[in-house]
Amino acid sequence: MTVRTIAAMLFFFATNAAAMLQLSFGAQASDPLHIQRQGIFSSGGSVTLPLPGKYDETQNWLDKGRAGNTAHVDHANVLYQLPVNGNGHPIVFLHGYGQSRMGWMTMPDGREGWSDFFLRKGYGVFLVDQPRRGEAGSTKSMATWDSMTPESKDYMPGDQAWYTHFRIGRTAPERYAGSQFPQGDKAQDQFFRQMTPNTGDYDEPLFGRTMGAVLNDVFAMTGKKSIYITHSQGGRVGWATPVEHIAAIIAIEPGFTPEIGSEYYKRMLAAKIPVAVYFGDYIDNGPSDIHSTAFWKNVRDKALEFAAQYNADGGDATVFDLPKIGITGNSHFLFQEKNNAQIARHIDSWLAEKGLSAD
């Protein structure tokens, strides 16, 4: 084997490593992404008061009491990508409980996530880690919710519980009949490793204000209001977010929809924000002996009541119950499943109807 041959082999491996990794998960390589600009910034948050005493720069880290030190906490962290020749409203993605922005960026089997899909369509994408999660983990008081007990520092186990509650299957690794969830041990392992704990407790008003700061920063950067795509617990934060710079809300299986007549409801209605709410499968046809089936049915039915009244009051809301429009097999994570591009195209079509498409 000549030096030239070895060099050619090394060049091929280096330039095709990403595609080879995707194909090892059974996925297909995609065309190149054309990104004009990308970066990371933080929005919102606060600074703690200095701890008692005078800061001693000569000791700095050796001073265990941290006298005079402050901390920057409770902000959001945003990774953004702006496409070449982008012409659409920016999309701000907010994850759900136990998740980070990673869920929008990739599928458990290595295929592209929604952020790449919408980037290719011409939308700028802004991927958020909410306060006290992921890259935005700095907070003053640590969480008790993710511990076995308030005194424990152990992370609470929950793989099997989340798998069932998220309607992937009755018990891991089983999948419901017709499931679109990526198959195989490797995909399941990758999915579970996306889960990440809170560093601090859930504070909906604080998170809403912080997401308002994110939207303000996105508006300052792009000059346009944002399409706000939320998921699960992130849906709750979505309703709590100031509406000034929101063009539309797309809630993917939110934990709840705003109570009719509430502050959240009234300000969205006054701002004439169009709303789309998406639900997956295994709700009407889920196992009746599993608590989560009734839970998600109640959430879906409340969303239908919300949409009916929102429309009656002059608003614009649609609940898309995917099995009823012929899109079946989706769990709570419908943006991470084999037909995620089909659902993304449906969202893009809805945005086009509202005059918000990048096309």
Protein backbone atom coordinates (compact mmCIF):
# COMPACT_ATOMS: atom_id res chain seq x y z
CA MET A 1 0.00 0.00 0.00
CA THR A 2 1.54 3.32 -1.08
CA VAL A 3 1.71 6.51 0.96
CA ARG A 4 -0.63 8.13 -1.58
CA THR A 5 -3.22 5.36 -1.06
CA ILE A 6 -3.04 5.67 2.73
CA ALA A 7 -3.41 9.46 2.48
CA ALA A 8 -6.47 9.05 0.24
CA MET A 9 -8.05 6.61 2.70
CA LEU A 10 -7.45 8.95 5.64
CA PHE A 11 -8.93 11.87 3.69
CA PHE A 12 -12.02 9.83 2.82
CA PHE A 13 -12.54 8.80 6.45
CA ALA A 14 -12.07 12.34 7.79
CA THR A 15 -14.48 13.91 5.29
CA ASN A 16 -17.11 11.21 5.66
CA ALA A 17 -16.97 10.50 9.40
CA ALA A 18 -20.25 12.25 10.19
CA ALA A 19 -22.09 10.42 7.44
CA MET A 20 -20.58 7.10 8.49
CA LEU A 21 -21.71 7.70 12.09
CA GLN A 22 -25.25 8.39 10.90
CA LEU A 23 -25.28 5.33 8.68
CA SER A 24 -24.10 3.18 11.59
CA PHE A 25 -27.43 3.99 13.24
CA GLY A 26 -29.31 3.01 10.08
CA ALA A 27 -29.86 6.64 9.04
CA GLN A 28 -29.23 8.38 5.74
CA ALA A 29 -26.75 11.17 5.10
CA SER A 30 -28.22 14.54 4.10
CA ASP A 31 -27.19 17.41 1.86
CA PRO A 32 -24.86 20.02 3.38
CA LEU A 33 -26.32 22.69 5.63
CA HIS A 34 -25.68 26.26 4.46
CA ILE A 35 -25.23 28.39 7.56
CA GLN A 36 -24.45 32.08 7.30
CA ARG A 37 -23.91 32.62 11.00
CA GLN A 38 -24.10 30.67 14.25
CA GLY A 39 -23.27 31.20 17.87
CA ILE A 40 -24.36 30.89 21.50
CA PHE A 41 -25.59 33.53 23.91
CA SER A 42 -27.36 33.81 27.26
CA SER A 43 -30.54 35.78 27.97
CA GLY A 44 -32.16 37.03 31.16
CA GLY A 45 -31.08 35.85 34.58
CA SER A 46 -29.87 37.68 37.66
CA VAL A 47 -26.76 38.24 39.76
CA THR A 48 -26.66 37.24 43.42
CA LEU A 49 -25.65 39.68 46.12
CA PRO A 50 -22.00 39.38 47.25
CA LEU A 51 -21.44 36.93 50.06
CA PRO A 52 -20.55 38.61 53.37
CA GLY A 53 -16.98 39.77 53.75
CA LYS A 54 -14.33 41.26 51.50
CA TYR A 55 -13.13 39.38 48.45
CA ASP A 56 -9.47 38.33 48.84
CA GLU A 57 -8.00 38.05 45.38
CA THR A 58 -4.78 36.59 46.80
CA GLN A 59 -6.65 33.49 47.99
CA ASN A 60 -9.50 33.44 45.40
CA TRP A 61 -10.47 29.73 45.03
CA LEU A 62 -8.69 28.78 48.26
CA ASP A 63 -11.24 30.83 50.25
CA LYS A 64 -13.91 28.16 50.84
CA GLY A 65 -16.32 30.77 52.20
CA ARG A 66 -16.21 32.71 48.89
CA ALA A 67 -16.37 36.07 50.72
CA GLY A 68 -17.38 38.93 48.41
CA ASN A 69 -18.21 36.60 45.49
CA THR A 70 -21.32 36.89 43.30
CA ALA A 71 -22.92 34.41 40.87
CA HIS A 72 -24.72 34.90 37.55
CA VAL A 73 -27.76 32.60 37.69
CA ASP A 74 -31.15 31.64 36.26
CA HIS A 75 -30.54 32.70 32.65
CA ALA A 76 -31.40 30.81 29.48
CA ASN A 77 -28.73 29.59 27.08
CA VAL A 78 -29.39 29.84 23.34
CA LEU A 79 -27.60 28.17 20.43
CA TYR A 80 -28.57 29.76 17.11
CA GLN A 81 -28.01 29.09 13.42
CA LEU A 82 -28.99 31.49 10.64
CA PRO A 83 -29.23 30.05 7.13
CA VAL A 84 -27.77 31.53 3.98
CA ASN A 85 -30.56 33.43 2.21
CA GLY A 86 -32.93 32.86 5.10
CA ASN A 87 -36.24 34.63 4.56
CA GLY A 88 -38.53 33.41 7.30
CA HIS A 89 -39.42 34.31 10.85
CA PRO A 90 -36.97 32.84 13.37
CA ILE A 91 -38.06 29.74 15.25
CA VAL A 92 -37.37 29.52 18.98
CA PHE A 93 -37.41 25.92 20.26
CA LEU A 94 -38.07 25.21 23.96
CA HIS A 95 -37.65 21.66 25.31
CA GLY A 96 -39.76 19.83 27.89
CA TYR A 97 -39.08 18.31 31.31
CA GLY A 98 -35.94 16.20 31.61
CA GLN A 99 -34.76 17.44 28.22
CA SER A 100 -32.45 20.03 26.71
CA ARG A 101 -32.16 21.56 23.24
CA MET A 102 -30.50 18.32 22.09
CA GLY A 103 -33.91 16.75 21.44
CA TRP A 104 -34.68 19.19 18.63
CA MET A 105 -31.29 18.66 17.00
CA THR A 106 -31.08 14.91 16.52
CA MET A 107 -33.06 11.71 16.57
CA PRO A 108 -32.14 8.75 18.80
CA ASP A 109 -30.98 6.83 15.72
CA GLY A 110 -28.69 9.65 14.56
CA ARG A 111 -30.87 11.18 11.87
CA GLU A 112 -31.44 14.92 11.65
CA GLY A 113 -33.86 16.64 13.97
CA TRP A 114 -36.32 19.45 13.40
CA SER A 115 -33.74 22.22 13.81
CA ASP A 116 -31.95 21.04 10.65
CA PHE A 117 -35.24 20.53 8.79
CA PHE A 118 -36.43 24.07 9.43
CA LEU A 119 -32.96 25.53 8.85
CA ARG A 120 -32.96 23.97 5.39
CA LYS A 121 -36.38 25.53 4.76
CA GLY A 122 -34.94 29.00 5.40
CA TYR A 123 -35.86 29.64 9.02
CA GLY A 124 -33.30 30.84 11.55
CA VAL A 125 -33.32 28.44 14.51
CA PHE A 126 -32.75 29.37 18.15
CA LEU A 127 -32.40 26.38 20.46
CA VAL A 128 -32.89 27.10 24.14
CA ASP A 129 -31.77 25.43 27.33
CA GLN A 130 -34.20 26.83 29.88
CA PRO A 131 -32.95 28.14 33.24
CA ARG A 132 -31.68 25.43 35.59
CA ARG A 133 -31.20 22.90 32.79
CA GLY A 134 -28.37 21.84 30.51
CA GLU A 135 -26.00 24.65 29.54
CA ALA A 136 -28.06 27.07 31.66
CA GLY A 137 -27.57 25.14 34.90
CA SER A 138 -26.30 27.96 37.13
CA THR A 139 -28.73 28.65 39.97
CA LYS A 140 -28.56 29.69 43.61
CA SER A 141 -30.45 26.80 45.23
CA MET A 142 -30.13 23.25 43.99
CA ALA A 143 -33.14 21.14 43.05
CA THR A 144 -34.98 18.71 45.30
CA TRP A 145 -37.31 17.41 42.56
CA ASP A 146 -34.69 15.28 40.84
CA SER A 147 -33.39 13.68 44.06
CA MET A 148 -34.64 10.59 45.81
CA THR A 149 -35.17 12.67 48.97
CA PRO A 150 -34.53 16.36 49.75
CA GLU A 151 -31.39 15.30 51.63
CA SER A 152 -30.08 13.02 48.91
CA LYS A 153 -27.62 13.99 46.22
CA ASP A 154 -28.49 10.94 44.13
CA TYR A 155 -30.23 11.43 40.78
CA MET A 156 -33.69 9.88 40.86
CA PRO A 157 -33.90 6.87 38.48
CA GLY A 158 -36.73 7.09 35.96
CA ASP A 159 -35.94 5.45 32.61
CA GLN A 160 -38.82 2.98 32.72
CA ALA A 161 -41.31 5.47 34.21
CA TRP A 162 -40.66 8.09 31.53
CA TYR A 163 -40.78 5.48 28.75
CA THR A 164 -44.29 4.46 29.81
CA HIS A 165 -45.51 8.01 30.52
CA PHE A 166 -44.22 9.22 27.16
CA ARG A 167 -46.34 6.51 25.44
CA ILE A 168 -43.48 4.84 23.60
CA GLY A 169 -44.58 1.43 24.84
CA ARG A 170 -46.05 -0.28 27.85
CA THR A 171 -42.64 -1.28 29.28
CA ALA A 172 -39.18 -0.63 27.81
CA PRO A 173 -38.02 -1.86 25.35
CA GLU A 174 -41.48 -2.80 24.04
CA ARG A 175 -43.06 -0.41 21.55
CA TYR A 176 -46.75 -0.06 20.84
CA ALA A 177 -48.04 -1.62 17.61
CA GLY A 178 -47.31 0.67 14.68
CA SER A 179 -44.87 2.81 16.71
CA GLN A 180 -42.78 5.36 14.86
CA PHE A 181 -40.19 5.43 17.65
CA PRO A 182 -36.73 4.43 16.32
CA GLN A 183 -36.12 0.74 16.86
CA GLY A 184 -33.16 -1.00 18.44
CA ASP A 185 -31.06 -1.05 21.59
CA LYS A 186 -28.71 1.68 20.40
CA ALA A 187 -31.53 4.13 19.63
CA GLN A 188 -33.16 3.46 23.00
CA ASP A 189 -29.84 3.96 24.77
CA GLN A 190 -29.28 7.25 22.95
CA PHE A 191 -32.81 8.41 23.85
CA PHE A 192 -32.35 7.72 27.56
CA ARG A 193 -29.00 9.52 27.53
CA GLN A 194 -30.72 12.70 26.35
CA MET A 195 -32.49 12.95 29.71
CA THR A 196 -30.96 15.53 32.02
CA PRO A 197 -31.93 16.67 35.53
CA ASN A 198 -32.91 20.09 36.83
CA THR A 199 -30.22 21.89 38.79
CA GLY A 200 -32.90 24.00 40.50
CA ASP A 201 -36.64 23.79 41.12
CA TYR A 202 -39.28 24.64 38.53
CA ASP A 203 -40.30 28.33 38.63
CA GLU A 204 -42.82 29.07 35.89
CA PRO A 205 -43.03 32.87 36.29
CA LEU A 206 -39.23 33.17 36.34
CA PHE A 207 -38.85 30.88 33.33
CA GLY A 208 -41.53 32.83 31.46
CA ARG A 209 -39.74 36.12 32.09
CA THR A 210 -36.44 34.62 31.01
CA MET A 211 -37.95 33.30 27.78
CA GLY A 212 -39.34 36.80 27.22
CA ALA A 213 -35.73 38.01 27.38
CA VAL A 214 -34.75 35.36 24.82
CA LEU A 215 -37.46 36.55 22.43
CA ASN A 216 -36.39 40.17 22.93
CA ASP A 217 -32.81 39.23 22.01
CA VAL A 218 -33.94 37.24 18.97
CA PHE A 219 -36.03 40.21 17.80
CA ALA A 220 -33.06 42.54 18.24
CA MET A 221 -30.91 40.15 16.19
CA THR A 222 -33.37 39.40 13.36
CA GLY A 223 -35.89 42.25 13.38
CA LYS A 224 -38.75 39.73 13.34
CA LYS A 225 -41.11 38.16 15.83
CA SER A 226 -40.47 34.50 16.63
CA ILE A 227 -42.37 31.34 15.86
CA TYR A 228 -42.31 29.70 19.29
CA ILE A 229 -42.23 25.88 19.27
CA THR A 230 -42.57 24.31 22.72
CA HIS A 231 -42.80 20.77 24.04
CA SER A 232 -44.41 19.24 27.12
CA GLN A 233 -43.43 21.17 30.28
CA GLY A 234 -41.94 23.78 27.93
CA GLY A 235 -45.51 24.36 26.77
CA ARG A 236 -46.36 25.61 30.25
CA VAL A 237 -43.45 28.06 30.06
CA GLY A 238 -44.60 29.04 26.58
CA TRP A 239 -47.97 30.26 27.84
CA ALA A 240 -46.18 32.18 30.65
CA THR A 241 -43.89 34.00 28.18
CA PRO A 242 -44.55 37.69 27.35
CA VAL A 243 -46.25 37.93 23.95
CA GLU A 244 -44.68 41.10 22.50
CA HIS A 245 -42.31 39.28 20.15
CA ILE A 246 -44.29 36.08 19.46
CA ALA A 247 -45.62 35.56 15.91
CA ALA A 248 -47.22 32.16 16.60
CA ILE A 249 -47.11 29.35 19.15
CA ILE A 250 -46.81 25.70 18.17
CA ALA A 251 -47.21 23.55 21.28
CA ILE A 252 -46.16 19.91 20.95
CA GLU A 253 -48.14 17.95 23.54
CA PRO A 254 -48.01 20.74 26.15
CA GLY A 255 -48.47 19.83 29.80
CA PHE A 256 -51.62 21.94 29.69
CA THR A 257 -53.29 24.69 27.68
CA PRO A 258 -54.19 28.06 29.24
CA GLU A 259 -57.27 28.12 31.41
CA ILE A 260 -60.03 29.97 29.61
CA GLY A 261 -60.19 33.54 30.86
CA SER A 262 -56.79 33.38 32.61
CA GLU A 263 -54.10 36.03 32.30
CA TYR A 264 -52.21 33.84 29.82
CA TYR A 265 -55.36 33.36 27.74
CA LYS A 266 -56.30 37.04 27.68
CA ARG A 267 -52.92 38.38 26.64
CA MET A 268 -52.52 35.82 23.84
CA LEU A 269 -55.99 36.66 22.58
CA ALA A 270 -55.34 40.41 22.73
CA ALA A 271 -52.11 39.94 20.79
CA LYS A 272 -53.94 37.84 18.15
CA ILE A 273 -51.38 35.05 18.38
CA PRO A 274 -52.28 32.01 16.26
CA VAL A 275 -51.86 28.73 18.14
CA ALA A 276 -51.39 25.17 16.90
CA VAL A 277 -51.37 22.26 19.37
CA TYR A 278 -50.19 18.81 18.27
CA PHE A 279 -50.91 15.43 19.87
CA GLY A 280 -49.58 12.02 18.92
CA ASP A 281 -51.01 8.52 19.12
CA TYR A 282 -51.87 6.03 21.90
CA ILE A 283 -54.21 8.41 23.71
CA ASP A 284 -57.69 7.23 22.72
CA ASN A 285 -56.23 3.79 22.00
CA GLY A 286 -53.74 3.57 24.91
CA PRO A 287 -53.90 0.92 27.66
CA SER A 288 -56.76 1.78 30.02
CA ASP A 289 -54.95 0.43 33.09
CA ILE A 290 -52.03 2.86 32.73
CA HIS A 291 -52.51 6.19 34.49
CA SER A 292 -50.76 8.12 31.72
CA THR A 293 -53.43 7.20 29.16
CA ALA A 294 -56.10 9.07 31.11
CA PHE A 295 -53.65 11.89 31.86
CA TRP A 296 -52.91 12.59 28.19
CA LYS A 297 -56.55 12.20 27.18
CA ASN A 298 -57.48 14.88 29.71
CA VAL A 299 -54.72 17.19 28.43
CA ARG A 300 -55.87 16.67 24.83
CA ASP A 301 -59.55 17.21 25.66
CA LYS A 302 -58.75 20.39 27.62
CA ALA A 303 -56.79 21.63 24.60
CA LEU A 304 -59.86 21.09 22.41
CA GLU A 305 -61.97 23.11 24.86
CA PHE A 306 -59.34 25.86 24.89
CA ALA A 307 -59.22 26.03 21.09
CA ALA A 308 -63.00 26.12 20.73
CA GLN A 309 -63.34 29.06 23.14
CA TYR A 310 -60.26 30.86 21.80
CA ASN A 311 -61.80 30.75 18.32
CA ALA A 312 -65.22 31.79 19.62
CA ASP A 313 -63.56 34.80 21.27
CA GLY A 314 -62.01 35.86 17.97
CA GLY A 315 -58.69 34.04 18.25
CA ASP A 316 -57.09 31.45 15.98
CA ALA A 317 -56.31 28.04 17.48
CA THR A 318 -56.21 24.54 16.02
CA VAL A 319 -55.62 21.23 17.77
CA PHE A 320 -54.09 18.64 15.46
CA ASP A 321 -54.89 15.15 16.76
CA LEU A 322 -52.50 13.37 14.41
CA PRO A 323 -54.19 9.95 14.24
CA LYS A 324 -57.42 11.67 13.18
CA ILE A 325 -55.65 13.18 10.16
CA GLY A 326 -53.95 9.92 9.22
CA ILE A 327 -50.57 10.34 10.93
CA THR A 328 -50.20 7.44 13.33
CA GLY A 329 -47.70 5.77 15.63
CA ASN A 330 -46.31 8.81 17.43
CA SER A 331 -45.41 9.00 21.10
CA HIS A 332 -44.97 12.15 23.20
CA PHE A 333 -41.73 12.70 21.24
CA LEU A 334 -43.25 12.98 17.79
CA PHE A 335 -40.38 15.25 16.62
CA GLN A 336 -37.84 12.46 17.29
CA GLU A 337 -39.55 9.65 15.44
CA LYS A 338 -39.30 8.08 12.02
CA ASN A 339 -41.99 10.28 10.50
CA ASN A 340 -40.74 13.52 12.06
CA ALA A 341 -40.16 15.09 8.63
CA GLN A 342 -43.80 14.44 7.70
CA ILE A 343 -44.96 16.26 10.84
CA ALA A 344 -42.48 19.09 10.26
CA ARG A 345 -43.88 19.54 6.75
CA HIS A 346 -47.38 19.72 8.25
CA ILE A 347 -46.20 22.49 10.60
CA ASP A 348 -44.55 24.33 7.72
CA SER A 349 -47.83 24.17 5.78
CA TRP A 350 -49.71 25.58 8.79
CA LEU A 351 -47.18 28.40 9.01
CA ALA A 352 -47.67 29.11 5.30
CA GLU A 353 -51.42 29.45 5.90
CA LYS A 354 -50.65 32.07 8.56
CA GLY A 355 -48.24 33.97 6.29
CA LEU A 356 -45.24 32.91 8.37
CA SER A 357 -43.54 30.38 6.09
CA ALA A 358 -39.97 30.83 4.90
CA ASP A 359 -41.01 29.90 1.32
